[in-house]
């Protein structure tokens, strides 16, 4: 069982184990050792103030292990995935905690093919990390309790930034939508004060007919995701109404996902984008096996709408790497999550918020319809997600009161709803998702289960 890697890399409060300097150095050393002789690694980061220092310590470990490191500077996660495979790097690394608060950070790793590492490879790398830590006595009682605090003093400098990497990625994005024009329509783009801030303004400036209003693109190291971005899609939705825009786009901190707002200021989530994209691909004969891969969190309404269009929906575990695994296993052309991770097979090896945004704009432009018209027949079941902070991630079926509450909900909802209870792979949270035709019933069961978890495991 993995101890460091979650569903999307290694995450923690910056400076605390496992993102203390000694462990970060060991991560770089272990990765270089795993990659073999003289590996080449490309490194990128989001806008958190801890990013440069972690990059320097990681680089120190990588170079000690024999790797050559190139820095792309502040850039999106999918950009690193693209650059890794396009330029034959041995691996790509992103320093980011995505949608988490600025105090957190993380390390994500892509293989030479641009795909996130499988669980078995992450486990093997973990074993090497712990061997290096034991050998250098970096694991102490303080580190194990998370009390080491980060200090950038005395660490090696990160390599200079290769500015050509960002331009290369932008060319890739524009090539994905040849002939795209915004038709002088006004678009609002929320960069979440994150990695998109370094790419989106230049990207949209190159699209003909662009009347684009860029917001939240002034990162200061601590304002990433703060009352903006995909965590708060209502912000861009309100801006769309205020600016009388045709559409709004909002990204998370590392821009591997995007959400939207229609011309009426309604939030359009990943489920709706999957429906719109699936129908477009189906019409053009590009939806392999008429199949879309979603997750356990996707709404039953999406499944019903896809079925009406002759498209089957498969469900994967939450996490875009697991969506992608099922896509590759079933040869699916499209997959994604309600949260906005959308994967277009053959175009990208991971969720890419900027690519998704351009492809969506292209669909809207070619259709001659508004975004609200294109997704208007998606009737979602009432759904609620309750996040419960937990002190430990004990198996829920081993707690009688929680197991009983879950069983009661499943029995009463039967075929008229869904119950999905899981731990977050990136935060100390239990997520309670209930979906039902009856909203009062949905909320009652969600509260009952959440309260049971809170009583047994809550902080």
Protein backbone atom coordinates (compact mmCIF):
# COMPACT_ATOMS: atom_id res chain seq x y z
CA UNK A 1 0.00 0.00 0.00
CA UNK A 2 1.37 3.43 -0.98
CA UNK A 3 2.28 5.81 1.84
CA UNK A 4 3.42 8.90 -0.06
CA UNK A 5 1.64 8.95 -3.42
CA UNK A 6 -2.08 9.70 -3.43
CA UNK A 7 -4.43 9.81 -6.42
CA UNK A 8 -2.49 12.75 -7.85
CA UNK A 9 1.08 12.63 -6.64
CA UNK A 10 2.57 13.49 -3.26
CA UNK A 11 0.90 16.33 -1.36
CA UNK A 12 1.41 17.95 2.00
CA UNK A 13 1.83 21.29 3.70
CA UNK A 14 4.98 22.73 2.15
CA UNK A 15 7.94 22.21 4.47
CA UNK A 16 6.34 19.42 6.44
CA UNK A 17 6.97 15.73 5.86
CA UNK A 18 6.99 14.47 3.14
CA UNK A 19 7.69 17.89 1.61
CA UNK A 20 10.49 18.72 4.04
CA UNK A 21 13.87 19.40 2.38
CA UNK A 22 15.41 16.02 3.21
CA UNK A 23 12.50 14.00 1.89
CA UNK A 24 12.15 16.14 -1.25
CA UNK A 25 15.84 15.58 -1.94
CA UNK A 26 15.34 11.83 -1.47
CA UNK A 27 12.35 11.88 -3.86
CA UNK A 28 14.56 13.42 -6.55
CA UNK A 29 17.36 10.95 -5.88
CA UNK A 30 15.00 7.95 -5.93
CA UNK A 31 13.33 9.08 -9.14
CA UNK A 32 16.68 9.58 -10.89
CA UNK A 33 17.80 6.15 -9.71
CA UNK A 34 14.55 4.60 -10.95
CA UNK A 35 14.92 6.20 -14.40
CA UNK A 36 18.30 4.58 -15.07
CA UNK A 37 21.47 5.95 -16.62
CA UNK A 38 21.74 9.68 -17.45
CA UNK A 39 18.02 10.51 -17.50
CA UNK A 40 16.67 13.85 -18.75
CA UNK A 41 13.89 15.40 -16.64
CA UNK A 42 11.71 18.45 -17.29
CA UNK A 43 10.34 20.35 -14.32
CA UNK A 44 7.45 22.82 -13.99
CA UNK A 45 5.45 24.40 -11.17
CA UNK A 46 2.40 26.46 -10.31
CA UNK A 47 2.51 29.85 -8.56
CA UNK A 48 2.80 28.88 -4.88
CA UNK A 49 5.57 30.68 -3.02
CA UNK A 50 7.08 27.36 -1.91
CA UNK A 51 7.49 26.15 -5.52
CA UNK A 52 10.97 27.52 -6.35
CA UNK A 53 12.52 26.23 -3.13
CA UNK A 54 11.00 22.76 -3.55
CA UNK A 55 12.15 22.77 -7.19
CA UNK A 56 15.69 23.54 -6.08
CA UNK A 57 15.76 20.77 -3.48
CA UNK A 58 14.21 18.28 -5.92
CA UNK A 59 16.76 19.29 -8.56
CA UNK A 60 19.53 18.69 -6.05
CA UNK A 61 18.38 15.10 -5.57
CA UNK A 62 17.84 14.51 -9.28
CA UNK A 63 21.27 15.80 -10.25
CA UNK A 64 22.96 13.83 -7.47
CA UNK A 65 21.28 10.78 -8.99
CA UNK A 66 22.79 11.57 -12.39
CA UNK A 67 19.82 13.32 -14.04
CA UNK A 68 19.93 16.40 -16.24
CA UNK A 69 17.12 18.79 -15.32
CA UNK A 70 15.41 21.41 -17.52
CA UNK A 71 13.01 23.92 -15.98
CA UNK A 72 9.92 25.19 -17.78
CA UNK A 73 9.22 27.55 -14.87
CA UNK A 74 5.62 28.38 -14.03
CA UNK A 75 3.54 26.32 -16.42
CA UNK A 76 0.48 24.06 -16.38
CA UNK A 77 0.54 20.39 -15.46
CA UNK A 78 -0.65 19.21 -18.91
CA UNK A 79 2.04 21.35 -20.52
CA UNK A 80 4.66 19.26 -18.72
CA UNK A 81 2.93 16.06 -19.85
CA UNK A 82 3.03 17.31 -23.45
CA UNK A 83 6.63 18.55 -23.33
CA UNK A 84 7.82 15.32 -21.72
CA UNK A 85 6.68 13.12 -24.58
CA UNK A 86 7.20 15.68 -27.36
CA UNK A 87 10.88 16.18 -26.48
CA UNK A 88 11.69 12.65 -25.31
CA UNK A 89 12.38 13.46 -21.67
CA UNK A 90 12.78 10.49 -19.36
CA UNK A 91 10.20 11.99 -17.00
CA UNK A 92 8.27 15.16 -16.30
CA UNK A 93 7.66 16.58 -12.83
CA UNK A 94 5.16 19.21 -11.72
CA UNK A 95 5.37 20.95 -8.36
CA UNK A 96 1.75 21.75 -7.59
CA UNK A 97 -1.08 21.01 -5.20
CA UNK A 98 -3.71 21.78 -7.83
CA UNK A 99 -6.87 23.02 -6.09
CA UNK A 100 -5.46 22.85 -2.54
CA UNK A 101 -4.75 26.00 -0.46
CA UNK A 102 -1.52 27.93 -1.07
CA UNK A 103 0.14 26.49 2.04
CA UNK A 104 0.10 23.03 0.45
CA UNK A 105 2.24 21.81 -2.39
CA UNK A 106 2.87 18.56 -4.20
CA UNK A 107 4.97 16.57 -6.63
CA UNK A 108 3.39 14.90 -9.68
CA UNK A 109 5.40 12.66 -12.00
CA UNK A 110 4.82 11.76 -15.65
CA UNK A 111 6.60 8.95 -17.43
CA UNK A 112 8.46 9.37 -20.72
CA UNK A 113 5.19 8.67 -22.58
CA UNK A 114 3.51 11.66 -20.93
CA UNK A 115 1.19 9.52 -18.80
CA UNK A 116 0.96 9.60 -15.02
CA UNK A 117 2.79 6.73 -13.40
CA UNK A 118 0.84 3.55 -12.61
CA UNK A 119 0.35 2.68 -8.95
CA UNK A 120 2.90 -0.16 -9.14
CA UNK A 121 5.63 2.21 -10.35
CA UNK A 122 4.80 4.78 -7.67
CA UNK A 123 5.05 2.04 -5.06
CA UNK A 124 8.47 0.97 -6.37
CA UNK A 125 9.71 4.58 -6.26
CA UNK A 126 8.38 4.94 -2.71
CA UNK A 127 10.43 1.95 -1.62
CA UNK A 128 13.56 3.62 -2.99
CA UNK A 129 12.68 6.91 -1.29
CA UNK A 130 12.45 5.20 2.10
CA UNK A 131 15.74 3.37 1.49
CA UNK A 132 17.52 6.66 0.81
CA UNK A 133 15.90 8.29 3.82
CA UNK A 134 16.94 5.46 6.10
CA UNK A 135 20.48 5.53 4.75
CA UNK A 136 20.88 9.25 5.39
CA UNK A 137 18.84 9.26 8.62
CA UNK A 138 16.44 11.88 7.29
CA UNK A 139 13.47 10.21 8.93
CA UNK A 140 13.34 11.40 12.53
CA UNK A 141 10.64 11.56 15.14
CA UNK A 142 10.05 15.17 14.13
CA UNK A 143 9.61 14.34 10.47
CA UNK A 144 7.30 11.43 11.22
CA UNK A 145 5.06 13.72 13.24
CA UNK A 146 5.06 16.40 10.54
CA UNK A 147 6.86 19.01 12.63
CA UNK A 148 9.76 19.83 10.31
CA UNK A 149 9.31 23.26 8.75
CA UNK A 150 10.70 24.27 5.41
CA UNK A 151 13.66 26.58 5.15
CA UNK A 152 15.04 27.42 1.70
CA UNK A 153 18.42 28.45 3.09
CA UNK A 154 21.41 26.50 1.88
CA UNK A 155 19.73 24.58 -0.94
CA UNK A 156 20.97 24.44 -4.48
CA UNK A 157 19.46 26.73 -7.08
CA UNK A 158 17.01 25.36 -9.61
CA UNK A 159 18.09 25.35 -13.27
CA UNK A 160 17.33 28.44 -15.39
CA UNK A 161 13.92 28.55 -17.06
CA UNK A 162 13.69 27.61 -20.73
CA UNK A 163 11.21 30.19 -22.02
CA UNK A 164 10.79 28.28 -25.30
CA UNK A 165 8.83 25.55 -23.51
CA UNK A 166 5.76 27.73 -22.95
CA UNK A 167 5.74 28.90 -26.57
CA UNK A 168 6.02 25.29 -27.74
CA UNK A 169 3.02 24.29 -25.64
CA UNK A 170 0.94 27.22 -26.92
CA UNK A 171 1.70 26.17 -30.50
CA UNK A 172 0.48 22.68 -29.65
CA UNK A 173 -2.79 24.04 -28.26
CA UNK A 174 -3.48 26.26 -31.26
CA UNK A 175 -2.72 23.40 -33.66
CA UNK A 176 -5.46 21.36 -31.97
CA UNK A 177 -8.13 23.80 -33.20
CA UNK A 178 -7.07 25.03 -36.64
CA UNK A 179 -9.27 27.83 -37.90
CA UNK A 180 -10.78 28.60 -34.50
CA UNK A 181 -12.35 32.04 -34.29
CA UNK A 182 -14.27 33.55 -31.43
CA UNK A 183 -16.40 35.57 -33.85
CA UNK A 184 -15.90 38.74 -31.79
CA UNK A 185 -17.80 37.19 -28.91
CA UNK A 186 -16.79 38.28 -25.44
CA UNK A 187 -15.23 35.56 -23.28
CA UNK A 188 -14.26 35.79 -19.58
CA UNK A 189 -11.26 33.69 -18.51
CA UNK A 190 -10.47 33.14 -14.80
CA UNK A 191 -6.87 31.92 -14.31
CA UNK A 192 -7.24 31.20 -10.56
CA UNK A 193 -4.01 33.14 -9.92
CA UNK A 194 -2.38 29.84 -10.82
CA UNK A 195 -0.38 28.26 -13.62
CA UNK A 196 -2.87 29.36 -16.29
CA UNK A 197 -1.78 32.95 -15.55
CA UNK A 198 1.49 32.21 -17.35
CA UNK A 199 -0.15 30.72 -20.45
CA UNK A 200 -3.77 31.82 -20.99
CA UNK A 201 -3.22 35.55 -21.73
CA UNK A 202 -0.70 34.79 -24.48
CA UNK A 203 -2.77 31.89 -25.83
CA UNK A 204 -6.05 33.77 -26.16
CA UNK A 205 -4.31 36.83 -27.62
CA UNK A 206 -3.44 34.68 -30.65
CA UNK A 207 -7.03 33.58 -31.41
CA UNK A 208 -8.70 35.64 -34.17
CA UNK A 209 -11.77 37.61 -33.17
CA UNK A 210 -10.89 37.38 -29.51
CA UNK A 211 -12.62 39.74 -27.10
CA UNK A 212 -11.25 38.10 -23.98
CA UNK A 213 -11.36 39.45 -20.46
CA UNK A 214 -8.63 37.83 -18.35
CA UNK A 215 -9.24 37.76 -14.59
CA UNK A 216 -7.31 36.48 -11.55
CA UNK A 217 -4.02 36.37 -13.41
CA UNK A 218 -1.91 38.25 -10.84
CA UNK A 219 -0.41 35.56 -8.61
CA UNK A 220 1.48 36.62 -5.50
CA UNK A 221 2.40 33.17 -4.20
CA UNK A 222 -0.48 33.03 -1.75
CA UNK A 223 -3.63 33.89 -3.71
CA UNK A 224 -3.81 30.76 -5.87
CA UNK A 225 -7.41 29.41 -5.85
CA UNK A 226 -8.42 32.13 -3.37
CA UNK A 227 -12.04 33.07 -4.09
CA UNK A 228 -11.48 32.39 -7.77
CA UNK A 229 -10.90 29.62 -10.29
CA UNK A 230 -12.58 26.25 -10.64
CA UNK A 231 -13.10 25.99 -6.88
CA UNK A 232 -15.41 28.99 -7.15
CA UNK A 233 -17.04 28.79 -10.61
CA UNK A 234 -19.80 31.12 -9.45
CA UNK A 235 -17.21 33.93 -9.66
CA UNK A 236 -16.66 33.63 -13.40
CA UNK A 237 -20.39 33.00 -13.86
CA UNK A 238 -21.17 36.33 -12.20
CA UNK A 239 -18.55 38.05 -14.37
CA UNK A 240 -20.15 36.63 -17.52
CA UNK A 241 -23.45 38.26 -16.57
CA UNK A 242 -21.79 41.52 -15.55
CA UNK A 243 -19.75 41.75 -18.75
CA UNK A 244 -22.62 40.52 -20.95
CA UNK A 245 -20.26 37.83 -22.23
CA UNK A 246 -21.10 34.77 -24.31
CA UNK A 247 -19.21 32.32 -22.15
CA UNK A 248 -16.88 32.00 -19.15
CA UNK A 249 -13.93 29.67 -18.53
CA UNK A 250 -12.30 28.99 -15.18
CA UNK A 251 -9.28 26.84 -14.29
CA UNK A 252 -7.89 25.24 -11.16
CA UNK A 253 -4.42 25.99 -9.79
CA UNK A 254 -2.43 23.88 -12.25
CA UNK A 255 -4.98 24.16 -15.10
CA UNK A 256 -5.46 20.44 -15.66
CA UNK A 257 -9.19 21.01 -15.39
CA UNK A 258 -11.67 23.67 -16.39
CA UNK A 259 -15.28 24.58 -15.72
CA UNK A 260 -17.50 26.95 -17.67
CA UNK A 261 -20.38 29.39 -17.44
CA UNK A 262 -23.02 29.91 -20.11
CA UNK A 263 -24.30 33.27 -21.36
CA UNK A 264 -26.95 33.36 -18.60
CA UNK A 265 -24.36 33.00 -15.84
CA UNK A 266 -25.10 29.33 -15.13
CA UNK A 267 -22.19 27.08 -14.15
CA UNK A 268 -21.51 24.30 -16.67
CA UNK A 269 -19.57 21.43 -15.08
CA UNK A 270 -17.57 18.50 -16.40
CA UNK A 271 -20.60 16.27 -16.86
CA UNK A 272 -22.17 18.77 -19.26
CA UNK A 273 -18.89 19.15 -21.16
CA UNK A 274 -18.62 15.38 -21.51
CA UNK A 275 -22.13 15.29 -22.99
CA UNK A 276 -21.42 18.12 -25.43
CA UNK A 277 -18.06 16.67 -26.51
CA UNK A 278 -19.40 13.12 -26.81
CA UNK A 279 -22.22 14.19 -29.10
CA UNK A 280 -19.86 16.23 -31.26
CA UNK A 281 -17.41 13.32 -31.61
CA UNK A 282 -20.28 10.90 -32.27
CA UNK A 283 -21.63 13.11 -35.06
CA UNK A 284 -18.22 13.20 -36.69
CA UNK A 285 -17.67 9.45 -36.34
CA UNK A 286 -14.82 9.91 -33.86
CA UNK A 287 -16.35 8.46 -30.67
CA UNK A 288 -14.78 5.02 -30.57
CA UNK A 289 -17.28 2.27 -29.70
CA UNK A 290 -19.79 5.02 -28.83
CA UNK A 291 -18.35 4.97 -25.33
CA UNK A 292 -17.51 7.62 -22.74
CA UNK A 293 -15.64 6.97 -19.49
CA UNK A 294 -16.86 9.00 -16.50
CA UNK A 295 -16.47 8.35 -12.75
CA UNK A 296 -18.54 7.23 -9.80
CA UNK A 297 -19.24 10.92 -9.08
CA UNK A 298 -20.84 11.69 -12.47
CA UNK A 299 -24.55 12.41 -12.32
CA UNK A 300 -27.16 9.86 -13.35
CA UNK A 301 -28.59 12.56 -15.60
CA UNK A 302 -25.44 12.42 -17.74
CA UNK A 303 -25.80 8.68 -18.16
CA UNK A 304 -29.43 9.10 -19.23
CA UNK A 305 -28.65 11.90 -21.71
CA UNK A 306 -25.81 9.93 -23.29
CA UNK A 307 -28.05 6.87 -23.58
CA UNK A 308 -30.62 8.94 -25.49
CA UNK A 309 -27.85 9.69 -28.00
CA UNK A 310 -26.88 6.04 -28.30
CA UNK A 311 -23.74 6.44 -26.18
CA UNK A 312 -22.81 4.15 -23.31
CA UNK A 313 -21.14 5.48 -20.18
CA UNK A 314 -18.59 3.52 -18.16
CA UNK A 315 -17.65 4.54 -14.61
CA UNK A 316 -14.08 4.56 -13.31
CA UNK A 317 -12.74 5.36 -9.86
CA UNK A 318 -12.33 9.07 -9.07
CA UNK A 319 -9.08 10.52 -10.37
CA UNK A 320 -8.18 11.35 -13.94
CA UNK A 321 -5.41 8.73 -13.96
CA UNK A 322 -8.05 6.05 -13.29
CA UNK A 323 -10.34 7.48 -15.97
CA UNK A 324 -7.44 7.30 -18.39
CA UNK A 325 -6.60 3.73 -17.40
CA UNK A 326 -10.15 2.65 -18.27
CA UNK A 327 -10.09 4.71 -21.47
CA UNK A 328 -6.94 2.92 -22.60
CA UNK A 329 -8.36 -0.47 -21.62
CA UNK A 330 -11.58 0.12 -23.62
CA UNK A 331 -10.07 2.24 -26.43
CA UNK A 332 -12.42 5.10 -25.51
CA UNK A 333 -11.86 8.46 -27.20
CA UNK A 334 -13.32 10.58 -24.40
CA UNK A 335 -13.41 10.51 -20.63
CA UNK A 336 -13.50 12.82 -17.67
CA UNK A 337 -14.78 13.92 -14.32
CA UNK A 338 -17.56 16.14 -13.09
CA UNK A 339 -14.86 18.35 -11.56
CA UNK A 340 -13.63 19.34 -15.03
CA UNK A 341 -10.82 16.91 -15.84
CA UNK A 342 -11.61 16.07 -19.47
CA UNK A 343 -9.36 13.75 -21.49
CA UNK A 344 -9.43 13.58 -25.28
CA UNK A 345 -7.61 10.41 -26.28
CA UNK A 346 -5.04 10.99 -29.01
CA UNK A 347 -4.76 14.68 -28.15
CA UNK A 348 -3.57 14.59 -24.56
CA UNK A 349 -2.32 12.09 -21.99
CA UNK A 350 -3.96 13.84 -19.05
CA UNK A 351 -6.71 16.31 -18.25
CA UNK A 352 -5.93 19.67 -19.88
CA UNK A 353 -8.08 22.65 -18.97
CA UNK A 354 -6.77 24.91 -21.73
CA UNK A 355 -7.14 22.24 -24.42
CA UNK A 356 -10.67 21.49 -23.20
CA UNK A 357 -11.52 25.20 -23.32
CA UNK A 358 -10.33 25.57 -26.92
CA UNK A 359 -12.13 22.42 -28.08
CA UNK A 360 -15.32 23.60 -26.37
CA UNK A 361 -15.06 27.02 -28.02
CA UNK A 362 -14.58 25.26 -31.35
CA UNK A 363 -17.70 23.13 -30.83
CA UNK A 364 -19.76 26.18 -29.89
CA UNK A 365 -18.41 28.14 -32.88
CA UNK A 366 -19.10 25.34 -35.38
CA UNK A 367 -22.60 24.69 -34.01
CA UNK A 368 -23.76 28.28 -34.26
CA UNK A 369 -25.55 27.74 -30.94
CA UNK A 370 -24.99 29.08 -27.47
CA UNK A 371 -23.50 26.93 -24.71
CA UNK A 372 -26.83 26.86 -22.87
CA UNK A 373 -28.58 25.52 -25.97
CA UNK A 374 -26.02 22.78 -26.48
CA UNK A 375 -26.39 21.35 -22.96
CA UNK A 376 -30.01 22.33 -22.37
CA UNK A 377 -31.42 18.79 -22.32
CA UNK A 378 -29.11 17.59 -19.53
CA UNK A 379 -31.47 17.07 -16.61
CA UNK A 380 -29.41 16.37 -13.54
CA UNK A 381 -30.58 14.43 -10.52
CA UNK A 382 -30.34 16.42 -7.29
CA UNK A 383 -26.86 15.70 -5.91
CA UNK A 384 -25.09 16.77 -2.75
CA UNK A 385 -21.47 16.29 -1.72
CA UNK A 386 -20.59 16.72 1.96
CA UNK A 387 -16.89 16.87 2.87
CA UNK A 388 -15.99 15.69 6.36
CA UNK A 389 -12.53 16.44 7.76
CA UNK A 390 -11.07 13.29 9.30
CA UNK A 391 -8.10 12.54 11.54
CA UNK A 392 -7.47 9.14 9.93
CA UNK A 393 -8.71 7.15 6.92
CA UNK A 394 -10.05 4.04 8.61
CA UNK A 395 -12.00 1.63 6.36
CA UNK A 396 -15.58 2.88 6.56
CA UNK A 397 -17.11 -0.59 6.37
CA UNK A 398 -15.27 -1.45 9.60
CA UNK A 399 -17.18 1.23 11.55
CA UNK A 400 -20.63 -0.16 12.45
CA UNK A 401 -22.47 3.17 12.75
CA UNK A 402 -21.13 4.39 9.39
CA UNK A 403 -21.71 1.09 7.61
CA UNK A 404 -25.28 1.00 8.95
CA UNK A 405 -26.03 4.55 7.73
CA UNK A 406 -24.64 3.76 4.28
CA UNK A 407 -26.62 0.51 4.04
CA UNK A 408 -29.85 2.27 5.01
CA UNK A 409 -29.33 4.90 2.31
CA UNK A 410 -28.56 2.31 -0.36
CA UNK A 411 -31.65 0.28 0.50
CA UNK A 412 -34.05 3.23 0.55
CA UNK A 413 -32.72 4.85 -2.63
CA UNK A 414 -32.40 1.56 -4.55
CA UNK A 415 -32.79 2.37 -8.28
CA UNK A 416 -33.83 5.99 -7.71
CA UNK A 417 -30.46 7.25 -6.53
CA UNK A 418 -26.82 6.56 -5.79
CA UNK A 419 -24.61 6.53 -2.71
CA UNK A 420 -20.85 7.08 -3.13
CA UNK A 421 -18.72 7.41 0.00
CA UNK A 422 -14.95 7.68 -0.37
CA UNK A 423 -11.86 9.27 1.05
CA UNK A 424 -10.15 12.06 -0.86
CA UNK A 425 -6.87 10.94 -2.39
CA UNK A 426 -5.27 14.34 -1.84
CA UNK A 427 -6.74 15.70 1.42
CA UNK A 428 -7.76 14.45 4.88
CA UNK A 429 -11.43 14.32 3.89
CA UNK A 430 -14.23 11.82 3.59
CA UNK A 431 -16.56 12.71 0.72
CA UNK A 432 -20.23 11.81 1.05
CA UNK A 433 -22.07 11.98 -2.27
CA UNK A 434 -25.79 11.24 -2.46
CA UNK A 435 -27.88 11.48 -5.61
CA UNK A 436 -31.64 10.97 -5.63
CA UNK A 437 -34.86 11.98 -7.33
CA UNK A 438 -36.07 13.27 -3.96
CA UNK A 439 -34.01 16.17 -2.67
CA UNK A 440 -35.22 15.92 0.97
CA UNK A 441 -34.36 12.21 0.98
CA UNK A 442 -30.97 12.95 -0.51
CA UNK A 443 -30.10 15.54 2.10
CA UNK A 444 -31.35 13.42 4.99
CA UNK A 445 -29.14 10.49 4.07
CA UNK A 446 -26.14 12.71 3.32
CA UNK A 447 -26.40 14.37 6.73
CA UNK A 448 -26.90 11.06 8.52
CA UNK A 449 -23.82 9.46 6.94
CA UNK A 450 -21.69 12.59 7.35
CA UNK A 451 -22.64 12.88 11.02
CA UNK A 452 -21.79 9.22 11.59
CA UNK A 453 -18.33 9.70 10.04
CA UNK A 454 -17.84 12.94 11.96
CA UNK A 455 -18.69 11.26 15.26
CA UNK A 456 -16.19 8.43 14.71
CA UNK A 457 -13.35 10.09 12.78
CA UNK A 458 -13.90 13.84 12.82
CA UNK A 459 -11.32 16.35 13.95
